[in-house]
Amino acid sequence: MRGDTVNTKLLGMNKVISDDSAIRALKRMDEASAIAWLQTHLQSCYEPLLSTPWILDVDVTVKPLYGHQEGAKVGYNPHKPGRPSHTYHSYIMANTRLVLEVEVLYPTLIREAVPG
């Protein structure tokens, strides 16, 4: 939003706070309250669009991890086999640039059945 002059004018905004200010304000909120507040505002953005047909884009991204990060497990990782990773599942309303949800999943090791 900071570099977007078109949408800020359409929304009637004359100033956009910095990322740091937004992060500091959210850190002061109780986690459950912050999530509820964000979900309510996100829903108010996409709810008017639900009266028309739309497409849900689902994107799965495997992110290799380095070091000892929480939830890092060895699983399916096509670019760095044998490395621990997280898997991000992103749900996006097509052609609107609206991200509805992102889930971080910790992979499970997939083993093929060996006949024997």
PDB file of N, CA and C in Angstrom:
ATOM      1  N   MET A   1       0.820  -1.206   0.000  1.00  0.00           N
ATOM      2  CA  MET A   1       0.000   0.000   0.000  1.00  0.00           C
ATOM      3  C   MET A   1       0.861   1.266   0.000  1.00  0.00           C
ATOM      4  N   ARG A   2       2.045   1.193   0.613  1.00  0.00           N
ATOM      5  CA  ARG A   2       2.853   2.414   0.741  1.00  0.00           C
ATOM      6  C   ARG A   2       3.210   3.011  -0.608  1.00  0.00           C
ATOM      7  N   GLY A   3       3.529   2.187  -1.604  1.00  0.00           N
ATOM      8  CA  GLY A   3       3.913   2.704  -2.903  1.00  0.00           C
ATOM      9  C   GLY A   3       2.764   2.750  -3.898  1.00  0.00           C
ATOM     10  N   ASP A   4       1.580   2.390  -3.472  1.00  0.00           N
ATOM     11  CA  ASP A   4       0.417   2.296  -4.362  1.00  0.00           C
ATOM     12  C   ASP A   4      -0.382   3.597  -4.288  1.00  0.00           C
ATOM     13  N   THR A   5      -0.222   4.458  -5.281  1.00  0.00           N
ATOM     14  CA  THR A   5      -0.918   5.749  -5.260  1.00  0.00           C
ATOM     15  C   THR A   5      -2.348   5.630  -5.763  1.00  0.00           C
ATOM     16  N   VAL A   6      -2.640   4.622  -6.596  1.00  0.00           N
ATOM     17  CA  VAL A   6      -3.986   4.484  -7.155  1.00  0.00           C
ATOM     18  C   VAL A   6      -4.979   4.028  -6.093  1.00  0.00           C
ATOM     19  N   ASN A   7      -4.692   2.886  -5.441  1.00  0.00           N
ATOM     20  CA  ASN A   7      -5.639   2.347  -4.463  1.00  0.00           C
ATOM     21  C   ASN A   7      -5.787   3.232  -3.230  1.00  0.00           C
ATOM     22  N   THR A   8      -4.711   3.877  -2.806  1.00  0.00           N
ATOM     23  CA  THR A   8      -4.836   4.757  -1.644  1.00  0.00           C
ATOM     24  C   THR A   8      -5.774   5.929  -1.950  1.00  0.00           C
ATOM     25  N   LYS A   9      -5.725   6.455  -3.175  1.00  0.00           N
ATOM     26  CA  LYS A   9      -6.641   7.547  -3.545  1.00  0.00           C
ATOM     27  C   LYS A   9      -8.072   7.046  -3.656  1.00  0.00           C
ATOM     28  N   LEU A  10      -8.239   5.842  -4.217  1.00  0.00           N
ATOM     29  CA  LEU A  10      -9.590   5.265  -4.322  1.00  0.00           C
ATOM     30  C   LEU A  10     -10.209   5.031  -2.950  1.00  0.00           C
ATOM     31  N   LEU A  11      -9.372   4.684  -1.972  1.00  0.00           N
ATOM     32  CA  LEU A  11      -9.854   4.430  -0.614  1.00  0.00           C
ATOM     33  C   LEU A  11      -9.955   5.713   0.209  1.00  0.00           C
ATOM     34  N   GLY A  12      -9.565   6.838  -0.371  1.00  0.00           N
ATOM     35  CA  GLY A  12      -9.653   8.112   0.345  1.00  0.00           C
ATOM     36  C   GLY A  12      -8.576   8.273   1.403  1.00  0.00           C
ATOM     37  N   MET A  13      -7.447   7.605   1.210  1.00  0.00           N
ATOM     38  CA  MET A  13      -6.360   7.666   2.194  1.00  0.00           C
ATOM     39  C   MET A  13      -5.348   8.718   1.770  1.00  0.00           C
ATOM     40  N   ASN A  14      -4.876   9.507   2.742  1.00  0.00           N
ATOM     41  CA  ASN A  14      -3.840  10.476   2.424  1.00  0.00           C
ATOM     42  C   ASN A  14      -2.520  10.121   3.106  1.00  0.00           C
ATOM     43  N   LYS A  15      -2.535   9.070   3.942  1.00  0.00           N
ATOM     44  CA  LYS A  15      -1.328   8.659   4.638  1.00  0.00           C
ATOM     45  C   LYS A  15      -1.427   7.164   4.938  1.00  0.00           C
ATOM     46  N   VAL A  16      -0.302   6.445   4.835  1.00  0.00           N
ATOM     47  CA  VAL A  16      -0.240   5.025   5.155  1.00  0.00           C
ATOM     48  C   VAL A  16       0.840   4.844   6.210  1.00  0.00           C
ATOM     49  N   ILE A  17       0.510   4.145   7.297  1.00  0.00           N
ATOM     50  CA  ILE A  17       1.498   3.945   8.358  1.00  0.00           C
ATOM     51  C   ILE A  17       2.579   2.984   7.873  1.00  0.00           C
ATOM     52  N   SER A  18       3.722   3.023   8.530  1.00  0.00           N
ATOM     53  CA  SER A  18       4.837   2.151   8.154  1.00  0.00           C
ATOM     54  C   SER A  18       4.564   0.723   8.629  1.00  0.00           C
ATOM     55  N   ASP A  19       5.283  -0.225   8.033  1.00  0.00           N
ATOM     56  CA  ASP A  19       5.166  -1.616   8.443  1.00  0.00           C
ATOM     57  C   ASP A  19       5.532  -1.774   9.917  1.00  0.00           C
ATOM     58  N   ASP A  20       6.581  -1.074  10.347  1.00  0.00           N
ATOM     59  CA  ASP A  20       7.024  -1.171  11.738  1.00  0.00           C
ATOM     60  C   ASP A  20       5.938  -0.707  12.708  1.00  0.00           C
ATOM     61  N   SER A  21       5.241   0.366  12.371  1.00  0.00           N
ATOM     62  CA  SER A  21       4.164   0.863  13.233  1.00  0.00           C
ATOM     63  C   SER A  21       3.033  -0.149  13.331  1.00  0.00           C
ATOM     64  N   ALA A  22       2.682  -0.764  12.201  1.00  0.00           N
ATOM     65  CA  ALA A  22       1.623  -1.769  12.201  1.00  0.00           C
ATOM     66  C   ALA A  22       2.028  -2.987  13.024  1.00  0.00           C
ATOM     67  N   ILE A  23       3.268  -3.422  12.889  1.00  0.00           N
ATOM     68  CA  ILE A  23       3.751  -4.588  13.646  1.00  0.00           C
ATOM     69  C   ILE A  23       3.752  -4.290  15.136  1.00  0.00           C
ATOM     70  N   ARG A  24       4.230  -3.100  15.530  1.00  0.00           N
ATOM     71  CA  ARG A  24       4.237  -2.729  16.956  1.00  0.00           C
ATOM     72  C   ARG A  24       2.821  -2.708  17.518  1.00  0.00           C
ATOM     73  N   ALA A  25       1.865  -2.178  16.746  1.00  0.00           N
ATOM     74  CA  ALA A  25       0.475  -2.120  17.223  1.00  0.00           C
ATOM     75  C   ALA A  25      -0.096  -3.528  17.372  1.00  0.00           C
ATOM     76  N   LEU A  26       0.181  -4.407  16.418  1.00  0.00           N
ATOM     77  CA  LEU A  26      -0.335  -5.777  16.499  1.00  0.00           C
ATOM     78  C   LEU A  26       0.310  -6.561  17.633  1.00  0.00           C
ATOM     79  N   LYS A  27       1.582  -6.303  17.921  1.00  0.00           N
ATOM     80  CA  LYS A  27       2.261  -7.005  19.017  1.00  0.00           C
ATOM     81  C   LYS A  27       1.664  -6.651  20.373  1.00  0.00           C
ATOM     82  N   ARG A  28       1.097  -5.470  20.495  1.00  0.00           N
ATOM     83  CA  ARG A  28       0.484  -5.061  21.761  1.00  0.00           C
ATOM     84  C   ARG A  28      -0.879  -5.707  21.978  1.00  0.00           C
ATOM     85  N   MET A  29      -1.463  -6.260  20.919  1.00  0.00           N
ATOM     86  CA  MET A  29      -2.782  -6.889  21.025  1.00  0.00           C
ATOM     87  C   MET A  29      -2.655  -8.320  21.526  1.00  0.00           C
ATOM     88  N   ASP A  30      -3.667  -8.764  22.223  1.00  0.00           N
ATOM     89  CA  ASP A  30      -3.781 -10.166  22.592  1.00  0.00           C
ATOM     90  C   ASP A  30      -3.892 -10.978  21.295  1.00  0.00           C
ATOM     91  N   GLU A  31      -3.219 -12.134  21.216  1.00  0.00           N
ATOM     92  CA  GLU A  31      -3.170 -12.896  19.970  1.00  0.00           C
ATOM     93  C   GLU A  31      -4.562 -13.259  19.457  1.00  0.00           C
ATOM     94  N   ALA A  32      -5.426 -13.751  20.327  1.00  0.00           N
ATOM     95  CA  ALA A  32      -6.775 -14.137  19.898  1.00  0.00           C
ATOM     96  C   ALA A  32      -7.558 -12.917  19.402  1.00  0.00           C
ATOM     97  N   SER A  33      -7.423 -11.790  20.084  1.00  0.00           N
ATOM     98  CA  SER A  33      -8.111 -10.559  19.659  1.00  0.00           C
ATOM     99  C   SER A  33      -7.577 -10.062  18.329  1.00  0.00           C
ATOM    100  N   ALA A  34      -6.249 -10.142  18.146  1.00  0.00           N
ATOM    101  CA  ALA A  34      -5.636  -9.680  16.903  1.00  0.00           C
ATOM    102  C   ALA A  34      -6.099 -10.529  15.727  1.00  0.00           C
ATOM    103  N   ILE A  35      -6.159 -11.858  15.913  1.00  0.00           N
ATOM    104  CA  ILE A  35      -6.606 -12.747  14.839  1.00  0.00           C
ATOM    105  C   ILE A  35      -8.064 -12.462  14.496  1.00  0.00           C
ATOM    106  N   ALA A  36      -8.906 -12.300  15.507  1.00  0.00           N
ATOM    107  CA  ALA A  36     -10.322 -11.999  15.258  1.00  0.00           C
ATOM    108  C   ALA A  36     -10.476 -10.671  14.532  1.00  0.00           C
ATOM    109  N   TRP A  37      -9.706  -9.661  14.934  1.00  0.00           N
ATOM    110  CA  TRP A  37      -9.762  -8.346  14.295  1.00  0.00           C
ATOM    111  C   TRP A  37      -9.341  -8.439  12.833  1.00  0.00           C
ATOM    112  N   LEU A  38      -8.222  -9.144  12.570  1.00  0.00           N
ATOM    113  CA  LEU A  38      -7.741  -9.286  11.199  1.00  0.00           C
ATOM    114  C   LEU A  38      -8.727 -10.061  10.331  1.00  0.00           C
ATOM    115  N   GLN A  39      -9.303 -11.148  10.873  1.00  0.00           N
ATOM    116  CA  GLN A  39     -10.259 -11.948  10.109  1.00  0.00           C
ATOM    117  C   GLN A  39     -11.510 -11.136   9.768  1.00  0.00           C
ATOM    118  N   THR A  40     -11.979 -10.334  10.717  1.00  0.00           N
ATOM    119  CA  THR A  40     -13.164  -9.500  10.479  1.00  0.00           C
ATOM    120  C   THR A  40     -12.905  -8.511   9.348  1.00  0.00           C
ATOM    121  N   HIS A  41     -11.746  -7.859   9.378  1.00  0.00           N
ATOM    122  CA  HIS A  41     -11.431  -6.873   8.343  1.00  0.00           C
ATOM    123  C   HIS A  41     -11.161  -7.525   6.994  1.00  0.00           C
ATOM    124  N   LEU A  42     -10.535  -8.693   7.009  1.00  0.00           N
ATOM    125  CA  LEU A  42     -10.325  -9.412   5.758  1.00  0.00           C
ATOM    126  C   LEU A  42     -11.668  -9.813   5.155  1.00  0.00           C
ATOM    127  N   GLN A  43     -12.559 -10.314   5.990  1.00  0.00           N
ATOM    128  CA  GLN A  43     -13.876 -10.728   5.500  1.00  0.00           C
ATOM    129  C   GLN A  43     -14.644  -9.546   4.922  1.00  0.00           C
ATOM    130  N   SER A  44     -14.528  -8.381   5.529  1.00  0.00           N
ATOM    131  CA  SER A  44     -15.238  -7.207   4.994  1.00  0.00           C
ATOM    132  C   SER A  44     -14.687  -6.812   3.624  1.00  0.00           C
ATOM    133  N   CYS A  45     -13.432  -7.194   3.323  1.00  0.00           N
ATOM    134  CA  CYS A  45     -12.855  -6.903   2.008  1.00  0.00           C
ATOM    135  C   CYS A  45     -13.392  -7.833   0.937  1.00  0.00           C
ATOM    136  N   TYR A  46     -13.480  -9.128   1.247  1.00  0.00           N
ATOM    137  CA  TYR A  46     -13.870 -10.082   0.196  1.00  0.00           C
ATOM    138  C   TYR A  46     -15.341 -10.447   0.188  1.00  0.00           C
ATOM    139  N   GLU A  47     -16.089 -10.140   1.241  1.00  0.00           N
ATOM    140  CA  GLU A  47     -17.507 -10.527   1.306  1.00  0.00           C
ATOM    141  C   GLU A  47     -18.340  -9.994   0.137  1.00  0.00           C
ATOM    142  N   PRO A  48     -18.180  -8.734  -0.291  1.00  0.00           N
ATOM    143  CA  PRO A  48     -18.971  -8.253  -1.436  1.00  0.00           C
ATOM    144  C   PRO A  48     -18.669  -9.027  -2.731  1.00  0.00           C
ATOM    145  N   LEU A  49     -17.472  -9.593  -2.836  1.00  0.00           N
ATOM    146  CA  LEU A  49     -17.098 -10.333  -4.039  1.00  0.00           C
ATOM    147  C   LEU A  49     -17.758 -11.712  -4.114  1.00  0.00           C
ATOM    148  N   LEU A  50     -18.270 -12.204  -2.992  1.00  0.00           N
ATOM    149  CA  LEU A  50     -18.818 -13.560  -2.958  1.00  0.00           C
ATOM    150  C   LEU A  50     -20.159 -13.692  -3.675  1.00  0.00           C
ATOM    151  N   SER A  51     -20.770 -12.584  -4.039  1.00  0.00           N
ATOM    152  CA  SER A  51     -22.045 -12.649  -4.760  1.00  0.00           C
ATOM    153  C   SER A  51     -21.843 -12.915  -6.250  1.00  0.00           C
ATOM    154  N   THR A  52     -20.596 -12.882  -6.715  1.00  0.00           N
ATOM    155  CA  THR A  52     -20.293 -13.189  -8.116  1.00  0.00           C
ATOM    156  C   THR A  52     -19.397 -14.424  -8.164  1.00  0.00           C
ATOM    157  N   PRO A  53     -19.430 -15.165  -9.271  1.00  0.00           N
ATOM    158  CA  PRO A  53     -18.564 -16.346  -9.372  1.00  0.00           C
ATOM    159  C   PRO A  53     -17.088 -15.955  -9.322  1.00  0.00           C
ATOM    160  N   TRP A  54     -16.293 -16.763  -8.654  1.00  0.00           N
ATOM    161  CA  TRP A  54     -14.863 -16.513  -8.566  1.00  0.00           C
ATOM    162  C   TRP A  54     -14.124 -17.836  -8.482  1.00  0.00           C
ATOM    163  N   ILE A  55     -12.808 -17.777  -8.663  1.00  0.00           N
ATOM    164  CA  ILE A  55     -11.969 -18.974  -8.677  1.00  0.00           C
ATOM    165  C   ILE A  55     -11.017 -18.925  -7.492  1.00  0.00           C
ATOM    166  N   LEU A  56     -10.922 -20.054  -6.792  1.00  0.00           N
ATOM    167  CA  LEU A  56      -9.977 -20.184  -5.694  1.00  0.00           C
ATOM    168  C   LEU A  56      -8.696 -20.814  -6.231  1.00  0.00           C
ATOM    169  N   ASP A  57      -7.596 -20.075  -6.148  1.00  0.00           N
ATOM    170  CA  ASP A  57      -6.290 -20.606  -6.518  1.00  0.00           C
ATOM    171  C   ASP A  57      -5.631 -21.154  -5.264  1.00  0.00           C
ATOM    172  N   VAL A  58      -5.142 -22.386  -5.338  1.00  0.00           N
ATOM    173  CA  VAL A  58      -4.428 -22.992  -4.227  1.00  0.00           C
ATOM    174  C   VAL A  58      -2.994 -23.224  -4.679  1.00  0.00           C
ATOM    175  N   ASP A  59      -2.052 -22.691  -3.936  1.00  0.00           N
ATOM    176  CA  ASP A  59      -0.640 -22.831  -4.274  1.00  0.00           C
ATOM    177  C   ASP A  59       0.066 -23.508  -3.115  1.00  0.00           C
ATOM    178  N   VAL A  60       0.880 -24.499  -3.423  1.00  0.00           N
ATOM    179  CA  VAL A  60       1.667 -25.194  -2.410  1.00  0.00           C
ATOM    180  C   VAL A  60       3.137 -24.910  -2.676  1.00  0.00           C
ATOM    181  N   THR A  61       3.816 -24.387  -1.672  1.00  0.00           N
ATOM    182  CA  THR A  61       5.230 -24.058  -1.795  1.00  0.00           C
ATOM    183  C   THR A  61       6.012 -24.795  -0.719  1.00  0.00           C
ATOM    184  N   VAL A  62       7.075 -25.475  -1.120  1.00  0.00           N
ATOM    185  CA  VAL A  62       7.956 -26.147  -0.170  1.00  0.00           C
ATOM    186  C   VAL A  62       9.126 -25.213   0.111  1.00  0.00           C
ATOM    187  N   LYS A  63       9.333 -24.888   1.394  1.00  0.00           N
ATOM    188  CA  LYS A  63      10.411 -23.974   1.776  1.00  0.00           C
ATOM    189  C   LYS A  63      11.465 -24.752   2.547  1.00  0.00           C
ATOM    190  N   PRO A  64      12.656 -24.926   1.956  1.00  0.00           N
ATOM    191  CA  PRO A  64      13.731 -25.611   2.685  1.00  0.00           C
ATOM    192  C   PRO A  64      14.139 -24.797   3.902  1.00  0.00           C
ATOM    193  N   LEU A  65      14.465 -25.470   4.979  1.00  0.00           N
ATOM    194  CA  LEU A  65      14.871 -24.798   6.210  1.00  0.00           C
ATOM    195  C   LEU A  65      16.327 -25.109   6.509  1.00  0.00           C
ATOM    196  N   TYR A  66      16.981 -24.174   7.137  1.00  0.00           N
ATOM    197  CA  TYR A  66      18.379 -24.343   7.509  1.00  0.00           C
ATOM    198  C   TYR A  66      18.501 -24.074   9.003  1.00  0.00           C
ATOM    199  N   GLY A  67      19.354 -24.780   9.671  1.00  0.00           N
ATOM    200  CA  GLY A  67      19.492 -24.618  11.111  1.00  0.00           C
ATOM    201  C   GLY A  67      18.460 -25.461  11.836  1.00  0.00           C
ATOM    202  N   HIS A  68      18.102 -25.028  13.025  1.00  0.00           N
ATOM    203  CA  HIS A  68      17.166 -25.785  13.864  1.00  0.00           C
ATOM    204  C   HIS A  68      15.903 -24.959  14.079  1.00  0.00           C
ATOM    205  N   GLN A  69      15.015 -24.973  13.103  1.00  0.00           N
ATOM    206  CA  GLN A  69      13.779 -24.199  13.202  1.00  0.00           C
ATOM    207  C   GLN A  69      12.644 -25.078  13.694  1.00  0.00           C
ATOM    208  N   GLU A  70      11.685 -24.448  14.367  1.00  0.00           N
ATOM    209  CA  GLU A  70      10.548 -25.166  14.924  1.00  0.00           C
ATOM    210  C   GLU A  70       9.780 -25.923  13.844  1.00  0.00           C
ATOM    211  N   GLY A  71       9.497 -27.180  14.111  1.00  0.00           N
ATOM    212  CA  GLY A  71       8.699 -27.983  13.196  1.00  0.00           C
ATOM    213  C   GLY A  71       9.432 -28.482  11.972  1.00  0.00           C
ATOM    214  N   ALA A  72      10.732 -28.259  11.898  1.00  0.00           N
ATOM    215  CA  ALA A  72      11.493 -28.688  10.727  1.00  0.00           C
ATOM    216  C   ALA A  72      11.615 -30.203  10.719  1.00  0.00           C
ATOM    217  N   LYS A  73      11.117 -30.818   9.649  1.00  0.00           N
ATOM    218  CA  LYS A  73      11.193 -32.266   9.487  1.00  0.00           C
ATOM    219  C   LYS A  73      11.577 -32.574   8.050  1.00  0.00           C
ATOM    220  N   VAL A  74      12.201 -33.716   7.880  1.00  0.00           N
ATOM    221  CA  VAL A  74      12.543 -34.154   6.526  1.00  0.00           C
ATOM    222  C   VAL A  74      11.286 -34.745   5.916  1.00  0.00           C
ATOM    223  N   GLY A  75      10.929 -34.283   4.737  1.00  0.00           N
ATOM    224  CA  GLY A  75       9.754 -34.771   4.030  1.00  0.00           C
ATOM    225  C   GLY A  75       9.940 -34.528   2.545  1.00  0.00           C
ATOM    226  N   TYR A  76       8.860 -34.441   1.819  1.00  0.00           N
ATOM    227  CA  TYR A  76       8.932 -34.197   0.382  1.00  0.00           C
ATOM    228  C   TYR A  76       9.542 -32.834   0.121  1.00  0.00           C
ATOM    229  N   ASN A  77      10.636 -32.816  -0.590  1.00  0.00           N
ATOM    230  CA  ASN A  77      11.315 -31.576  -0.925  1.00  0.00           C
ATOM    231  C   ASN A  77      12.003 -31.785  -2.277  1.00  0.00           C
ATOM    232  N   PRO A  78      11.350 -31.383  -3.380  1.00  0.00           N
ATOM    233  CA  PRO A  78      11.887 -31.693  -4.700  1.00  0.00           C
ATOM    234  C   PRO A  78      13.204 -30.989  -5.040  1.00  0.00           C
ATOM    235  N   HIS A  79      13.458 -29.837  -4.444  1.00  0.00           N
ATOM    236  CA  HIS A  79      14.660 -29.073  -4.788  1.00  0.00           C
ATOM    237  C   HIS A  79      15.856 -29.440  -3.917  1.00  0.00           C
ATOM    238  N   LYS A  80      15.602 -29.777  -2.678  1.00  0.00           N
ATOM    239  CA  LYS A  80      16.670 -30.135  -1.746  1.00  0.00           C
ATOM    240  C   LYS A  80      16.283 -31.422  -1.014  1.00  0.00           C
ATOM    241  N   PRO A  81      16.318 -32.575  -1.712  1.00  0.00           N
ATOM    242  CA  PRO A  81      15.928 -33.835  -1.064  1.00  0.00           C
ATOM    243  C   PRO A  81      16.766 -34.099   0.190  1.00  0.00           C
ATOM    244  N   GLY A  82      16.094 -34.576   1.220  1.00  0.00           N
ATOM    245  CA  GLY A  82      16.782 -34.885   2.471  1.00  0.00           C
ATOM    246  C   GLY A  82      16.930 -33.715   3.413  1.00  0.00           C
ATOM    247  N   ARG A  83      16.511 -32.496   2.993  1.00  0.00           N
ATOM    248  CA  ARG A  83      16.586 -31.314   3.862  1.00  0.00           C
ATOM    249  C   ARG A  83      15.260 -31.138   4.575  1.00  0.00           C
ATOM    250  N   PRO A  84      15.290 -30.657   5.802  1.00  0.00           N
ATOM    251  CA  PRO A  84      14.022 -30.348   6.472  1.00  0.00           C
ATOM    252  C   PRO A  84      13.325 -29.180   5.776  1.00  0.00           C
ATOM    253  N   SER A  85      11.998 -29.126   5.898  1.00  0.00           N
ATOM    254  CA  SER A  85      11.257 -28.061   5.217  1.00  0.00           C
ATOM    255  C   SER A  85       9.909 -27.825   5.879  1.00  0.00           C
ATOM    256  N   HIS A  86       9.297 -26.738   5.509  1.00  0.00           N
ATOM    257  CA  HIS A  86       7.893 -26.436   5.808  1.00  0.00           C
ATOM    258  C   HIS A  86       7.170 -26.384   4.475  1.00  0.00           C
ATOM    259  N   THR A  87       5.870 -26.618   4.504  1.00  0.00           N
ATOM    260  CA  THR A  87       5.064 -26.513   3.296  1.00  0.00           C
ATOM    261  C   THR A  87       4.004 -25.445   3.527  1.00  0.00           C
ATOM    262  N   TYR A  88       3.966 -24.448   2.642  1.00  0.00           N
ATOM    263  CA  TYR A  88       2.987 -23.367   2.738  1.00  0.00           C
ATOM    264  C   TYR A  88       1.858 -23.638   1.746  1.00  0.00           C
ATOM    265  N   HIS A  89       0.630 -23.702   2.236  1.00  0.00           N
ATOM    266  CA  HIS A  89      -0.552 -23.837   1.388  1.00  0.00           C
ATOM    267  C   HIS A  89      -1.233 -22.469   1.377  1.00  0.00           C
ATOM    268  N   SER A  90      -1.238 -21.817   0.219  1.00  0.00           N
ATOM    269  CA  SER A  90      -1.822 -20.481   0.085  1.00  0.00           C
ATOM    270  C   SER A  90      -3.137 -20.572  -0.675  1.00  0.00           C
ATOM    271  N   TYR A  91      -4.171 -19.903  -0.144  1.00  0.00           N
ATOM    272  CA  TYR A  91      -5.493 -19.876  -0.770  1.00  0.00           C
ATOM    273  C   TYR A  91      -5.753 -18.441  -1.212  1.00  0.00           C
ATOM    274  N   ILE A  92      -5.846 -18.245  -2.533  1.00  0.00           N
ATOM    275  CA  ILE A  92      -5.907 -16.906  -3.109  1.00  0.00           C
ATOM    276  C   ILE A  92      -7.138 -16.766  -3.995  1.00  0.00           C
ATOM    277  N   MET A  93      -7.863 -15.662  -3.866  1.00  0.00           N
ATOM    278  CA  MET A  93      -8.986 -15.375  -4.757  1.00  0.00           C
ATOM    279  C   MET A  93      -8.392 -14.875  -6.072  1.00  0.00           C
ATOM    280  N   ALA A  94      -8.590 -15.655  -7.131  1.00  0.00           N
ATOM    281  CA  ALA A  94      -7.953 -15.369  -8.424  1.00  0.00           C
ATOM    282  C   ALA A  94      -8.289 -13.970  -8.925  1.00  0.00           C
ATOM    283  N   ASN A  95      -7.299 -13.325  -9.535  1.00  0.00           N
ATOM    284  CA  ASN A  95      -7.413 -12.017 -10.178  1.00  0.00           C
ATOM    285  C   ASN A  95      -7.757 -10.875  -9.233  1.00  0.00           C
ATOM    286  N   THR A  96      -7.694 -11.099  -7.924  1.00  0.00           N
ATOM    287  CA  THR A  96      -7.971 -10.012  -6.983  1.00  0.00           C
ATOM    288  C   THR A  96      -6.763  -9.691  -6.107  1.00  0.00           C
ATOM    289  N   ARG A  97      -5.725 -10.544  -6.146  1.00  0.00           N
ATOM    290  CA  ARG A  97      -4.547 -10.424  -5.284  1.00  0.00           C
ATOM    291  C   ARG A  97      -4.929 -10.500  -3.807  1.00  0.00           C
ATOM    292  N   LEU A  98      -6.047 -11.146  -3.503  1.00  0.00           N
ATOM    293  CA  LEU A  98      -6.503 -11.274  -2.134  1.00  0.00           C
ATOM    294  C   LEU A  98      -6.133 -12.651  -1.604  1.00  0.00           C
ATOM    295  N   VAL A  99      -5.293 -12.698  -0.587  1.00  0.00           N
ATOM    296  CA  VAL A  99      -4.906 -13.959   0.042  1.00  0.00           C
ATOM    297  C   VAL A  99      -5.907 -14.235   1.161  1.00  0.00           C
ATOM    298  N   LEU A 100      -6.651 -15.338   1.020  1.00  0.00           N
ATOM    299  CA  LEU A 100      -7.680 -15.665   2.002  1.00  0.00           C
ATOM    300  C   LEU A 100      -7.113 -16.394   3.214  1.00  0.00           C
ATOM    301  N   GLU A 101      -6.095 -17.213   2.992  1.00  0.00           N
ATOM    302  CA  GLU A 101      -5.532 -17.994   4.094  1.00  0.00           C
ATOM    303  C   GLU A 101      -4.177 -18.550   3.662  1.00  0.00           C
ATOM    304  N   VAL A 102      -3.285 -18.709   4.615  1.00  0.00           N
ATOM    305  CA  VAL A 102      -2.019 -19.414   4.388  1.00  0.00           C
ATOM    306  C   VAL A 102      -1.833 -20.359   5.560  1.00  0.00           C
ATOM    307  N   GLU A 103      -1.652 -21.636   5.253  1.00  0.00           N
ATOM    308  CA  GLU A 103      -1.401 -22.642   6.282  1.00  0.00           C
ATOM    309  C   GLU A 103       0.040 -23.099   6.172  1.00  0.00           C
ATOM    310  N   VAL A 104       0.719 -23.170   7.307  1.00  0.00           N
ATOM    311  CA  VAL A 104       2.071 -23.720   7.337  1.00  0.00           C
ATOM    312  C   VAL A 104       1.941 -25.144   7.853  1.00  0.00           C
ATOM    313  N   LEU A 105       2.323 -26.089   7.004  1.00  0.00           N
ATOM    314  CA  LEU A 105       2.231 -27.491   7.384  1.00  0.00           C
ATOM    315  C   LEU A 105       3.630 -28.062   7.547  1.00  0.00           C
ATOM    316  N   TYR A 106       3.761 -28.895   8.542  1.00  0.00           N
ATOM    317  CA  TYR A 106       5.022 -29.561   8.791  1.00  0.00           C
ATOM    318  C   TYR A 106       4.952 -30.917   8.098  1.00  0.00           C
ATOM    319  N   PRO A 107       5.858 -31.174   7.148  1.00  0.00           N
ATOM    320  CA  PRO A 107       5.755 -32.395   6.346  1.00  0.00           C
ATOM    321  C   PRO A 107       5.938 -33.655   7.181  1.00  0.00           C
ATOM    322  N   THR A 108       5.332 -34.706   6.689  1.00  0.00           N
ATOM    323  CA  THR A 108       5.561 -36.018   7.275  1.00  0.00           C
ATOM    324  C   THR A 108       6.358 -36.819   6.268  1.00  0.00           C
ATOM    325  N   LEU A 109       7.183 -37.661   6.768  1.00  0.00           N
ATOM    326  CA  LEU A 109       8.034 -38.449   5.895  1.00  0.00           C
ATOM    327  C   LEU A 109       7.176 -39.470   5.171  1.00  0.00           C
ATOM    328  N   ILE A 110       7.241 -39.456   3.852  1.00  0.00           N
ATOM    329  CA  ILE A 110       6.477 -40.393   3.035  1.00  0.00           C
ATOM    330  C   ILE A 110       7.408 -41.546   2.685  1.00  0.00           C
ATOM    331  N   ARG A 111       7.022 -42.730   3.097  1.00  0.00           N
ATOM    332  CA  ARG A 111       7.832 -43.905   2.802  1.00  0.00           C
ATOM    333  C   ARG A 111       7.049 -44.815   1.880  1.00  0.00           C
ATOM    334  N   GLU A 112       7.739 -45.306   0.872  1.00  0.00           N
ATOM    335  CA  GLU A 112       7.098 -46.244  -0.052  1.00  0.00           C
ATOM    336  C   GLU A 112       7.146 -47.636   0.558  1.00  0.00           C
ATOM    337  N   ALA A 113       6.077 -48.388   0.315  1.00  0.00           N
ATOM    338  CA  ALA A 113       6.033 -49.752   0.800  1.00  0.00           C
ATOM    339  C   ALA A 113       7.040 -50.590   0.013  1.00  0.00           C
ATOM    340  N   VAL A 114       7.880 -51.277   0.718  1.00  0.00           N
ATOM    341  CA  VAL A 114       8.885 -52.120   0.085  1.00  0.00           C
ATOM    342  C   VAL A 114       8.380 -53.558   0.127  1.00  0.00           C
ATOM    343  N   PRO A 115       8.222 -54.203  -1.051  1.00  0.00           N
ATOM    344  CA  PRO A 115       7.749 -55.580  -1.038  1.00  0.00           C
ATOM    345  C   PRO A 115       8.771 -56.482  -0.352  1.00  0.00           C
ATOM    346  N   GLY A 116       8.265 -57.404   0.403  1.00  0.00           N
ATOM    347  CA  GLY A 116       9.269 -58.235   1.001  1.00  0.00           C
ATOM    348  C   GLY A 116       8.764 -59.216   1.889  1.00  0.00           C
TER     349      GLY A 116
END
